[in-house]
Amino acid sequence: MKNKLILSVEKLQCKRNNFILFNCISFKVFEGGLVIIKGNNGTGKTSLLHSLCGLVSFEGKVNWKIEKKKIGYLGHHMGLKDYETAEEFIAFWKKIYNSKVNSDKIIKFFSLDKFLYKPIGALSFGQKKKLSFARLLLLESKIWLLDEPFSGMDNKNKKLIADAIKRHINKKGITILSTHDQTKLLNIHTKQEVRIV
């Protein structure tokens, strides 16, 4: 049985101050699909993700085939408060999202228990990023848009993030991500690349 079409993008174009960042980008994403956006710095990878979220103006068509009120977006700014503990952060977002996800399983998966009661301001960049991924899992969104999810991570944590993405895709979710990294960790048969030049 063919997977359901989730997103259709046609001739997408984004401008900033009358400068065209990218032009005529088209692709389709089905359930269980992975799209990797590649391009040099300044080519518009983040703007492409923001266009899909509806955060910036664009020309062309972005047609979501499902209700998109819950898009899981993870960007460079992780929205963390230095004075909160990791435990407080997880409890807050679990309540906000009215999430039915077992937070103990998320804590175990990302090894958050090692720093659960520390102030977030005392955590490393990699620990903060794992905490942001915990929030993403609590959202229970079918749609993940990830801006450079592997940046600043060591090899062990890159594999952990890749495993989280694979689990999401295996549950028929979709992931659209930008990356400078090699994508060998994401050896998924539904993978397609969109290159911005």
N, C-alpha and C. Protein backbone atom coordinates (compact mmCIF):
# COMPACT_ATOMS: atom_id res chain seq x y z
N MET A 1 0.83 -1.19 0.00
CA MET A 1 0.00 0.00 0.00
C MET A 1 0.87 1.25 0.00
N LYS A 2 0.58 2.19 -0.88
CA LYS A 2 1.39 3.39 -1.03
C LYS A 2 1.19 4.32 0.16
N ASN A 3 2.30 4.92 0.59
CA ASN A 3 2.23 5.85 1.70
C ASN A 3 1.49 7.12 1.30
N LYS A 4 0.85 7.74 2.27
CA LYS A 4 0.05 8.94 2.05
C LYS A 4 0.94 10.16 1.79
N LEU A 5 0.54 10.99 0.83
CA LEU A 5 1.24 12.23 0.56
C LEU A 5 0.99 13.21 1.72
N ILE A 6 2.07 13.75 2.28
CA ILE A 6 1.97 14.67 3.41
C ILE A 6 2.20 16.12 2.98
N LEU A 7 3.15 16.32 2.09
CA LEU A 7 3.52 17.69 1.70
C LEU A 7 3.89 17.75 0.23
N SER A 8 3.37 18.76 -0.43
CA SER A 8 3.74 19.04 -1.82
C SER A 8 4.25 20.47 -1.92
N VAL A 9 5.48 20.64 -2.40
CA VAL A 9 6.10 21.95 -2.57
C VAL A 9 6.33 22.18 -4.07
N GLU A 10 5.82 23.31 -4.56
CA GLU A 10 5.93 23.59 -5.99
C GLU A 10 6.51 24.98 -6.23
N LYS A 11 7.61 25.02 -6.97
CA LYS A 11 8.24 26.26 -7.42
C LYS A 11 8.39 27.29 -6.30
N LEU A 12 8.91 26.81 -5.20
CA LEU A 12 9.08 27.68 -4.03
C LEU A 12 10.23 28.66 -4.26
N GLN A 13 9.96 29.92 -3.93
CA GLN A 13 10.97 30.96 -4.05
C GLN A 13 10.92 31.86 -2.83
N CYS A 14 12.09 32.26 -2.34
CA CYS A 14 12.15 33.13 -1.17
C CYS A 14 13.10 34.28 -1.46
N LYS A 15 12.66 35.50 -1.14
CA LYS A 15 13.47 36.71 -1.34
C LYS A 15 13.71 37.39 -0.02
N ARG A 16 14.87 38.04 0.08
CA ARG A 16 15.19 38.90 1.21
C ARG A 16 15.77 40.19 0.65
N ASN A 17 15.08 41.32 0.91
CA ASN A 17 15.53 42.63 0.40
C ASN A 17 15.76 42.59 -1.12
N ASN A 18 14.79 41.99 -1.82
CA ASN A 18 14.82 41.86 -3.29
C ASN A 18 15.94 40.96 -3.80
N PHE A 19 16.60 40.24 -2.89
CA PHE A 19 17.62 39.27 -3.29
C PHE A 19 17.01 37.87 -3.22
N ILE A 20 17.09 37.11 -4.31
CA ILE A 20 16.51 35.77 -4.34
C ILE A 20 17.45 34.79 -3.64
N LEU A 21 16.97 34.21 -2.53
CA LEU A 21 17.77 33.23 -1.80
C LEU A 21 17.76 31.89 -2.52
N PHE A 22 16.57 31.48 -2.93
CA PHE A 22 16.45 30.25 -3.73
C PHE A 22 15.23 30.38 -4.61
N ASN A 23 15.21 29.55 -5.64
CA ASN A 23 14.17 29.71 -6.66
C ASN A 23 13.78 28.34 -7.22
N CYS A 24 12.51 28.16 -7.51
CA CYS A 24 11.99 26.98 -8.20
C CYS A 24 12.34 25.66 -7.50
N ILE A 25 12.12 25.61 -6.20
CA ILE A 25 12.33 24.36 -5.47
C ILE A 25 11.01 23.61 -5.39
N SER A 26 11.03 22.37 -5.83
CA SER A 26 9.83 21.52 -5.82
C SER A 26 10.20 20.13 -5.28
N PHE A 27 9.34 19.59 -4.43
CA PHE A 27 9.52 18.22 -3.97
C PHE A 27 8.23 17.77 -3.28
N LYS A 28 8.11 16.46 -3.09
CA LYS A 28 6.96 15.88 -2.38
C LYS A 28 7.48 15.00 -1.26
N VAL A 29 6.72 14.95 -0.17
CA VAL A 29 7.10 14.11 0.96
C VAL A 29 5.90 13.24 1.33
N PHE A 30 6.16 11.94 1.44
CA PHE A 30 5.13 10.99 1.82
C PHE A 30 5.37 10.52 3.26
N GLU A 31 4.39 9.86 3.84
CA GLU A 31 4.55 9.29 5.18
C GLU A 31 5.85 8.49 5.25
N GLY A 32 6.57 8.66 6.34
CA GLY A 32 7.82 7.93 6.50
C GLY A 32 8.94 8.48 5.64
N GLY A 33 8.80 9.73 5.18
CA GLY A 33 9.79 10.32 4.28
C GLY A 33 10.81 11.18 5.00
N LEU A 34 11.99 11.23 4.42
CA LEU A 34 13.08 12.07 4.94
C LEU A 34 13.60 12.94 3.80
N VAL A 35 13.63 14.24 4.03
CA VAL A 35 14.19 15.18 3.06
C VAL A 35 15.38 15.88 3.70
N ILE A 36 16.51 15.84 3.01
CA ILE A 36 17.72 16.49 3.51
C ILE A 36 18.02 17.69 2.62
N ILE A 37 18.03 18.88 3.23
CA ILE A 37 18.30 20.12 2.51
C ILE A 37 19.79 20.41 2.63
N LYS A 38 20.45 20.53 1.48
CA LYS A 38 21.89 20.79 1.48
C LYS A 38 22.18 22.08 0.74
N GLY A 39 23.27 22.72 1.12
CA GLY A 39 23.68 23.96 0.47
C GLY A 39 24.71 24.68 1.32
N ASN A 40 25.44 25.58 0.70
CA ASN A 40 26.45 26.34 1.43
C ASN A 40 25.79 27.32 2.39
N ASN A 41 26.59 27.87 3.30
CA ASN A 41 26.09 28.91 4.20
C ASN A 41 25.54 30.09 3.41
N GLY A 42 24.38 30.59 3.85
CA GLY A 42 23.81 31.77 3.21
C GLY A 42 22.97 31.48 1.99
N THR A 43 22.79 30.20 1.64
CA THR A 43 22.00 29.87 0.45
C THR A 43 20.51 29.80 0.74
N GLY A 44 20.12 29.79 2.03
CA GLY A 44 18.69 29.84 2.35
C GLY A 44 18.10 28.58 2.93
N LYS A 45 18.93 27.71 3.50
CA LYS A 45 18.40 26.46 4.07
C LYS A 45 17.42 26.75 5.21
N THR A 46 17.80 27.66 6.10
CA THR A 46 16.92 28.02 7.22
C THR A 46 15.66 28.71 6.70
N SER A 47 15.80 29.58 5.71
CA SER A 47 14.63 30.27 5.14
C SER A 47 13.68 29.28 4.48
N LEU A 48 14.22 28.22 3.89
CA LEU A 48 13.37 27.18 3.31
C LEU A 48 12.54 26.50 4.39
N LEU A 49 13.17 26.16 5.50
CA LEU A 49 12.44 25.55 6.62
C LEU A 49 11.40 26.52 7.17
N HIS A 50 11.76 27.80 7.29
CA HIS A 50 10.82 28.80 7.79
C HIS A 50 9.64 28.99 6.83
N SER A 51 9.90 28.85 5.54
CA SER A 51 8.81 28.93 4.56
C SER A 51 7.82 27.79 4.76
N LEU A 52 8.34 26.60 5.01
CA LEU A 52 7.47 25.43 5.23
C LEU A 52 6.65 25.58 6.50
N CYS A 53 7.22 26.27 7.50
CA CYS A 53 6.49 26.54 8.75
C CYS A 53 5.47 27.65 8.60
N GLY A 54 5.63 28.48 7.57
CA GLY A 54 4.77 29.65 7.42
C GLY A 54 5.27 30.84 8.22
N LEU A 55 6.56 30.84 8.57
CA LEU A 55 7.13 31.92 9.38
C LEU A 55 7.61 33.09 8.54
N VAL A 56 7.87 32.86 7.25
CA VAL A 56 8.33 33.93 6.36
C VAL A 56 7.50 33.91 5.08
N SER A 57 7.48 35.03 4.38
CA SER A 57 6.74 35.10 3.13
C SER A 57 7.53 34.41 2.01
N PHE A 58 6.82 33.88 1.05
CA PHE A 58 7.46 33.17 -0.06
C PHE A 58 6.53 33.20 -1.26
N GLU A 59 7.05 32.83 -2.40
CA GLU A 59 6.25 32.64 -3.60
C GLU A 59 6.27 31.16 -3.96
N GLY A 60 5.22 30.70 -4.63
CA GLY A 60 5.09 29.28 -4.93
C GLY A 60 4.03 28.65 -4.05
N LYS A 61 4.03 27.33 -4.00
CA LYS A 61 3.00 26.61 -3.25
C LYS A 61 3.62 25.68 -2.22
N VAL A 62 3.09 25.77 -1.00
CA VAL A 62 3.41 24.81 0.06
C VAL A 62 2.07 24.23 0.50
N ASN A 63 1.83 23.00 0.13
CA ASN A 63 0.52 22.39 0.35
C ASN A 63 0.64 21.20 1.29
N TRP A 64 0.27 21.45 2.57
CA TRP A 64 0.24 20.37 3.55
C TRP A 64 -1.05 19.59 3.38
N LYS A 65 -0.94 18.27 3.32
CA LYS A 65 -2.11 17.41 3.11
C LYS A 65 -2.73 16.94 4.41
N ILE A 66 -2.15 17.35 5.52
CA ILE A 66 -2.71 17.04 6.84
C ILE A 66 -2.78 18.33 7.64
N GLU A 67 -3.51 18.29 8.74
CA GLU A 67 -3.58 19.46 9.61
C GLU A 67 -2.19 19.74 10.17
N LYS A 68 -1.72 20.98 10.02
CA LYS A 68 -0.35 21.29 10.39
C LYS A 68 -0.25 22.17 11.64
N LYS A 69 -1.24 22.08 12.50
CA LYS A 69 -1.21 22.94 13.68
C LYS A 69 -0.08 22.54 14.63
N LYS A 70 0.42 21.32 14.50
CA LYS A 70 1.51 20.88 15.35
C LYS A 70 2.72 20.51 14.48
N ILE A 71 3.49 21.51 14.10
CA ILE A 71 4.74 21.25 13.40
C ILE A 71 5.86 21.29 14.43
N GLY A 72 6.64 20.24 14.49
CA GLY A 72 7.77 20.20 15.40
C GLY A 72 8.98 20.84 14.73
N TYR A 73 9.32 22.04 15.18
CA TYR A 73 10.46 22.76 14.60
C TYR A 73 11.57 22.89 15.63
N LEU A 74 12.78 22.56 15.21
CA LEU A 74 13.95 22.71 16.09
C LEU A 74 15.02 23.47 15.32
N GLY A 75 15.29 24.69 15.77
CA GLY A 75 16.24 25.54 15.08
C GLY A 75 17.48 25.83 15.91
N HIS A 76 18.20 26.87 15.53
CA HIS A 76 19.44 27.23 16.22
C HIS A 76 19.17 27.80 17.61
N HIS A 77 18.06 28.51 17.77
CA HIS A 77 17.68 29.05 19.07
C HIS A 77 16.75 28.05 19.75
N MET A 78 17.21 27.48 20.83
CA MET A 78 16.50 26.34 21.42
C MET A 78 15.43 26.72 22.42
N GLY A 79 15.31 27.99 22.76
CA GLY A 79 14.23 28.43 23.64
C GLY A 79 14.33 27.89 25.05
N LEU A 80 15.55 27.83 25.57
CA LEU A 80 15.77 27.30 26.92
C LEU A 80 16.01 28.44 27.91
N LYS A 81 15.61 28.22 29.16
CA LYS A 81 15.82 29.22 30.21
C LYS A 81 16.92 28.72 31.14
N ASP A 82 17.96 29.52 31.29
CA ASP A 82 19.15 29.11 32.05
C ASP A 82 18.84 28.74 33.50
N TYR A 83 17.84 29.41 34.09
CA TYR A 83 17.56 29.19 35.52
C TYR A 83 16.70 27.96 35.78
N GLU A 84 16.06 27.42 34.77
CA GLU A 84 15.25 26.21 34.94
C GLU A 84 16.14 24.98 35.00
N THR A 85 15.65 23.94 35.66
CA THR A 85 16.32 22.65 35.58
C THR A 85 15.75 21.89 34.39
N ALA A 86 16.47 20.87 33.96
CA ALA A 86 15.99 20.03 32.86
C ALA A 86 14.66 19.37 33.22
N GLU A 87 14.53 18.97 34.49
CA GLU A 87 13.28 18.34 34.95
C GLU A 87 12.11 19.33 34.82
N GLU A 88 12.33 20.58 35.23
CA GLU A 88 11.27 21.59 35.14
C GLU A 88 10.89 21.86 33.69
N PHE A 89 11.88 21.89 32.82
CA PHE A 89 11.65 22.11 31.39
C PHE A 89 10.75 21.03 30.81
N ILE A 90 11.07 19.78 31.10
CA ILE A 90 10.29 18.65 30.59
C ILE A 90 8.87 18.67 31.15
N ALA A 91 8.74 18.92 32.45
CA ALA A 91 7.41 18.95 33.08
C ALA A 91 6.56 20.08 32.50
N PHE A 92 7.18 21.24 32.25
CA PHE A 92 6.46 22.38 31.68
C PHE A 92 5.89 22.05 30.31
N TRP A 93 6.75 21.51 29.42
CA TRP A 93 6.28 21.25 28.05
C TRP A 93 5.34 20.05 27.98
N LYS A 94 5.49 19.10 28.87
CA LYS A 94 4.54 17.98 28.92
C LYS A 94 3.14 18.50 29.25
N LYS A 95 3.07 19.47 30.17
CA LYS A 95 1.80 20.06 30.56
C LYS A 95 1.25 20.95 29.43
N ILE A 96 2.09 21.78 28.83
CA ILE A 96 1.66 22.69 27.75
C ILE A 96 1.09 21.90 26.58
N TYR A 97 1.77 20.82 26.21
CA TYR A 97 1.34 20.00 25.07
C TYR A 97 0.26 18.99 25.44
N ASN A 98 -0.06 18.89 26.74
CA ASN A 98 -0.98 17.86 27.21
C ASN A 98 -0.54 16.50 26.67
N SER A 99 0.75 16.25 26.78
CA SER A 99 1.37 15.10 26.15
C SER A 99 1.10 13.81 26.92
N LYS A 100 0.81 12.76 26.15
CA LYS A 100 0.59 11.44 26.74
C LYS A 100 1.86 10.59 26.68
N VAL A 101 2.92 11.17 26.14
CA VAL A 101 4.18 10.44 26.02
C VAL A 101 4.78 10.23 27.41
N ASN A 102 5.34 9.05 27.61
CA ASN A 102 6.00 8.73 28.87
C ASN A 102 7.33 9.47 28.93
N SER A 103 7.39 10.52 29.75
CA SER A 103 8.61 11.34 29.80
C SER A 103 9.80 10.56 30.36
N ASP A 104 9.54 9.54 31.20
CA ASP A 104 10.65 8.73 31.73
C ASP A 104 11.38 8.01 30.61
N LYS A 105 10.64 7.56 29.59
CA LYS A 105 11.26 6.88 28.45
C LYS A 105 12.12 7.86 27.65
N ILE A 106 11.64 9.09 27.50
CA ILE A 106 12.41 10.11 26.79
C ILE A 106 13.68 10.43 27.56
N ILE A 107 13.56 10.57 28.87
CA ILE A 107 14.71 10.86 29.72
C ILE A 107 15.76 9.76 29.60
N LYS A 108 15.30 8.52 29.58
CA LYS A 108 16.22 7.38 29.46
C LYS A 108 16.86 7.34 28.07
N PHE A 109 16.07 7.57 27.03
CA PHE A 109 16.57 7.49 25.65
C PHE A 109 17.71 8.49 25.43
N PHE A 110 17.53 9.72 25.93
CA PHE A 110 18.53 10.77 25.72
C PHE A 110 19.53 10.87 26.88
N SER A 111 19.47 9.93 27.83
CA SER A 111 20.36 9.95 29.00
C SER A 111 20.30 11.29 29.72
N LEU A 112 19.10 11.82 29.89
CA LEU A 112 18.92 13.11 30.55
C LEU A 112 19.00 13.00 32.07
N ASP A 113 18.86 11.78 32.58
CA ASP A 113 18.87 11.59 34.03
C ASP A 113 20.18 12.04 34.68
N LYS A 114 21.25 12.09 33.87
CA LYS A 114 22.56 12.47 34.41
C LYS A 114 22.63 13.95 34.79
N PHE A 115 21.74 14.74 34.21
CA PHE A 115 21.77 16.18 34.52
C PHE A 115 20.37 16.76 34.73
N LEU A 116 19.45 15.91 35.14
CA LEU A 116 18.04 16.28 35.24
C LEU A 116 17.78 17.43 36.21
N TYR A 117 18.57 17.50 37.26
CA TYR A 117 18.32 18.51 38.30
C TYR A 117 19.31 19.67 38.26
N LYS A 118 20.08 19.74 37.19
CA LYS A 118 21.01 20.85 37.02
C LYS A 118 20.32 22.02 36.33
N PRO A 119 20.73 23.26 36.64
CA PRO A 119 20.20 24.40 35.88
C PRO A 119 20.64 24.28 34.42
N ILE A 120 19.76 24.60 33.50
CA ILE A 120 20.05 24.47 32.08
C ILE A 120 21.26 25.31 31.68
N GLY A 121 21.44 26.45 32.35
CA GLY A 121 22.58 27.31 32.04
C GLY A 121 23.92 26.64 32.28
N ALA A 122 23.94 25.58 33.09
CA ALA A 122 25.19 24.88 33.40
C ALA A 122 25.45 23.71 32.45
N LEU A 123 24.53 23.47 31.52
CA LEU A 123 24.66 22.32 30.63
C LEU A 123 25.52 22.66 29.41
N SER A 124 26.08 21.62 28.81
CA SER A 124 26.84 21.79 27.57
C SER A 124 25.87 22.01 26.41
N PHE A 125 26.42 22.45 25.27
CA PHE A 125 25.59 22.66 24.08
C PHE A 125 24.89 21.36 23.67
N GLY A 126 25.62 20.26 23.69
CA GLY A 126 25.04 18.97 23.30
C GLY A 126 23.92 18.53 24.23
N GLN A 127 24.11 18.76 25.53
CA GLN A 127 23.05 18.42 26.49
C GLN A 127 21.81 19.27 26.27
N LYS A 128 22.01 20.54 25.97
CA LYS A 128 20.88 21.42 25.69
C LYS A 128 20.13 20.97 24.44
N LYS A 129 20.88 20.53 23.44
CA LYS A 129 20.23 20.09 22.21
C LYS A 129 19.41 18.83 22.45
N LYS A 130 19.94 17.92 23.26
CA LYS A 130 19.17 16.72 23.59
C LYS A 130 17.89 17.08 24.34
N LEU A 131 17.98 18.07 25.20
CA LEU A 131 16.79 18.54 25.92
C LEU A 131 15.76 19.11 24.95
N SER A 132 16.21 19.82 23.94
CA SER A 132 15.31 20.35 22.93
C SER A 132 14.63 19.23 22.15
N PHE A 133 15.36 18.17 21.89
CA PHE A 133 14.76 17.00 21.21
C PHE A 133 13.73 16.33 22.11
N ALA A 134 13.96 16.35 23.42
CA ALA A 134 12.96 15.80 24.35
C ALA A 134 11.64 16.56 24.19
N ARG A 135 11.72 17.88 24.09
CA ARG A 135 10.50 18.68 23.88
C ARG A 135 9.81 18.29 22.57
N LEU A 136 10.61 18.06 21.54
CA LEU A 136 10.07 17.66 20.24
C LEU A 136 9.28 16.36 20.35
N LEU A 137 9.81 15.40 21.10
CA LEU A 137 9.11 14.13 21.28
C LEU A 137 7.82 14.29 22.08
N LEU A 138 7.82 15.21 23.03
CA LEU A 138 6.62 15.45 23.84
C LEU A 138 5.48 16.04 22.99
N LEU A 139 5.84 16.77 21.93
CA LEU A 139 4.84 17.40 21.07
C LEU A 139 3.99 16.38 20.32
N GLU A 140 4.56 15.20 20.04
CA GLU A 140 3.86 14.13 19.31
C GLU A 140 3.41 14.59 17.93
N SER A 141 4.25 15.34 17.26
CA SER A 141 3.93 15.81 15.92
C SER A 141 4.38 14.80 14.87
N LYS A 142 3.60 14.71 13.80
CA LYS A 142 3.97 13.86 12.68
C LYS A 142 5.05 14.53 11.83
N ILE A 143 5.17 15.86 11.98
CA ILE A 143 6.05 16.66 11.13
C ILE A 143 7.22 17.20 11.94
N TRP A 144 8.45 16.87 11.54
CA TRP A 144 9.64 17.42 12.16
C TRP A 144 10.40 18.24 11.14
N LEU A 145 10.66 19.50 11.45
CA LEU A 145 11.52 20.37 10.64
C LEU A 145 12.73 20.72 11.50
N LEU A 146 13.91 20.29 11.07
CA LEU A 146 15.11 20.38 11.90
C LEU A 146 16.20 21.16 11.19
N ASP A 147 16.67 22.23 11.83
CA ASP A 147 17.72 23.06 11.25
C ASP A 147 19.06 22.68 11.88
N GLU A 148 19.91 22.03 11.10
CA GLU A 148 21.24 21.59 11.55
C GLU A 148 21.17 20.79 12.86
N PRO A 149 20.42 19.69 12.89
CA PRO A 149 20.25 18.96 14.15
C PRO A 149 21.52 18.31 14.69
N PHE A 150 22.53 18.10 13.83
CA PHE A 150 23.75 17.43 14.28
C PHE A 150 24.87 18.40 14.66
N SER A 151 24.66 19.69 14.44
CA SER A 151 25.73 20.65 14.71
C SER A 151 26.04 20.71 16.21
N GLY A 152 27.33 20.77 16.53
CA GLY A 152 27.76 20.88 17.92
C GLY A 152 27.66 19.60 18.71
N MET A 153 27.38 18.48 18.05
CA MET A 153 27.23 17.20 18.74
C MET A 153 28.44 16.30 18.48
N ASP A 154 28.82 15.52 19.50
CA ASP A 154 29.88 14.54 19.28
C ASP A 154 29.28 13.33 18.55
N ASN A 155 30.14 12.41 18.14
CA ASN A 155 29.68 11.29 17.31
C ASN A 155 28.64 10.43 18.01
N LYS A 156 28.81 10.23 19.32
CA LYS A 156 27.85 9.42 20.08
C LYS A 156 26.46 10.06 20.05
N ASN A 157 26.41 11.37 20.27
CA ASN A 157 25.12 12.05 20.29
C ASN A 157 24.54 12.26 18.89
N LYS A 158 25.40 12.37 17.89
CA LYS A 158 24.90 12.41 16.51
C LYS A 158 24.15 11.12 16.19
N LYS A 159 24.71 10.00 16.63
CA LYS A 159 24.03 8.71 16.40
C LYS A 159 22.71 8.65 17.15
N LEU A 160 22.70 9.20 18.36
CA LEU A 160 21.47 9.23 19.16
C LEU A 160 20.38 10.04 18.46
N ILE A 161 20.75 11.20 17.93
CA ILE A 161 19.79 12.04 17.20
C ILE A 161 19.31 11.31 15.94
N ALA A 162 20.24 10.68 15.23
CA ALA A 162 19.88 9.92 14.03
C ALA A 162 18.90 8.79 14.37
N ASP A 163 19.13 8.13 15.51
CA ASP A 163 18.22 7.06 15.94
C ASP A 163 16.83 7.61 16.25
N ALA A 164 16.77 8.80 16.86
CA ALA A 164 15.46 9.42 17.14
C ALA A 164 14.73 9.73 15.84
N ILE A 165 15.46 10.21 14.83
CA ILE A 165 14.85 10.52 13.53
C ILE A 165 14.36 9.24 12.88
N LYS A 166 15.15 8.19 12.94
CA LYS A 166 14.75 6.91 12.34
C LYS A 166 13.49 6.36 13.00
N ARG A 167 13.42 6.45 14.32
CA ARG A 167 12.22 5.99 15.05
C ARG A 167 10.99 6.78 14.60
N HIS A 168 11.17 8.09 14.46
CA HIS A 168 10.07 8.94 14.02
C HIS A 168 9.58 8.54 12.63
N ILE A 169 10.50 8.28 11.73
CA ILE A 169 10.16 7.91 10.36
C ILE A 169 9.52 6.52 10.32
N ASN A 170 10.00 5.62 11.17
CA ASN A 170 9.41 4.27 11.23
C ASN A 170 7.97 4.29 11.72
N LYS A 171 7.59 5.38 12.42
CA LYS A 171 6.20 5.54 12.87
C LYS A 171 5.37 6.34 11.86
N LYS A 172 5.90 6.45 10.63
CA LYS A 172 5.24 7.15 9.52
C LYS A 172 5.24 8.67 9.67
N GLY A 173 6.13 9.17 10.53
CA GLY A 173 6.33 10.61 10.58
C GLY A 173 7.19 11.05 9.42
N ILE A 174 7.30 12.36 9.20
CA ILE A 174 8.23 12.88 8.19
C ILE A 174 9.24 13.81 8.86
N THR A 175 10.42 13.85 8.29
CA THR A 175 11.48 14.73 8.77
C THR A 175 12.09 15.46 7.60
N ILE A 176 12.14 16.78 7.72
CA ILE A 176 12.83 17.62 6.74
C ILE A 176 13.92 18.35 7.51
N LEU A 177 15.16 18.14 7.11
CA LEU A 177 16.26 18.73 7.87
C LEU A 177 17.31 19.33 6.97
N SER A 178 18.00 20.33 7.51
CA SER A 178 19.17 20.89 6.84
C SER A 178 20.40 20.38 7.57
N THR A 179 21.49 20.19 6.84
CA THR A 179 22.70 19.71 7.48
C THR A 179 23.92 19.97 6.62
N HIS A 180 25.04 20.24 7.30
CA HIS A 180 26.34 20.27 6.62
C HIS A 180 27.03 18.93 6.78
N ASP A 181 26.54 18.14 7.74
CA ASP A 181 27.20 16.88 8.07
C ASP A 181 26.98 15.83 7.01
N GLN A 182 27.85 14.85 7.04
CA GLN A 182 27.61 13.67 6.24
C GLN A 182 26.34 13.00 6.76
N THR A 183 25.60 12.39 5.89
CA THR A 183 24.31 11.82 6.29
C THR A 183 24.34 10.28 6.29
N LYS A 184 25.52 9.72 6.49
CA LYS A 184 25.64 8.26 6.50
C LYS A 184 24.83 7.65 7.64
N LEU A 185 24.68 8.42 8.73
CA LEU A 185 23.90 7.93 9.87
C LEU A 185 22.43 7.78 9.52
N LEU A 186 22.00 8.51 8.49
CA LEU A 186 20.59 8.47 8.09
C LEU A 186 20.44 7.65 6.81
N ASN A 187 20.81 6.41 6.90
CA ASN A 187 20.73 5.51 5.75
C ASN A 187 19.31 4.94 5.68
N ILE A 188 18.42 5.77 5.14
CA ILE A 188 16.99 5.44 5.12
C ILE A 188 16.54 5.40 3.66
N HIS A 189 15.81 4.37 3.28
CA HIS A 189 15.49 4.17 1.87
C HIS A 189 14.55 5.24 1.32
N THR A 190 13.83 5.95 2.20
CA THR A 190 12.90 7.00 1.74
C THR A 190 13.59 8.36 1.62
N LYS A 191 14.90 8.39 1.81
CA LYS A 191 15.64 9.66 1.83
C LYS A 191 15.70 10.29 0.44
N GLN A 192 15.50 11.61 0.41
CA GLN A 192 15.73 12.38 -0.80
C GLN A 192 16.45 13.67 -0.43
N GLU A 193 17.22 14.20 -1.38
CA GLU A 193 17.97 15.42 -1.12
C GLU A 193 17.44 16.57 -1.95
N VAL A 194 17.39 17.75 -1.32
CA VAL A 194 17.07 19.00 -2.00
C VAL A 194 18.29 19.87 -1.87
N ARG A 195 18.90 20.23 -2.98
CA ARG A 195 20.13 21.02 -2.94
C ARG A 195 19.83 22.45 -3.36
N ILE A 196 20.27 23.40 -2.51
CA ILE A 196 20.13 24.81 -2.82
C ILE A 196 21.48 25.32 -3.30
N VAL A 197 21.50 25.94 -4.45
CA VAL A 197 22.78 26.42 -5.01
C VAL A 197 22.77 27.95 -5.08
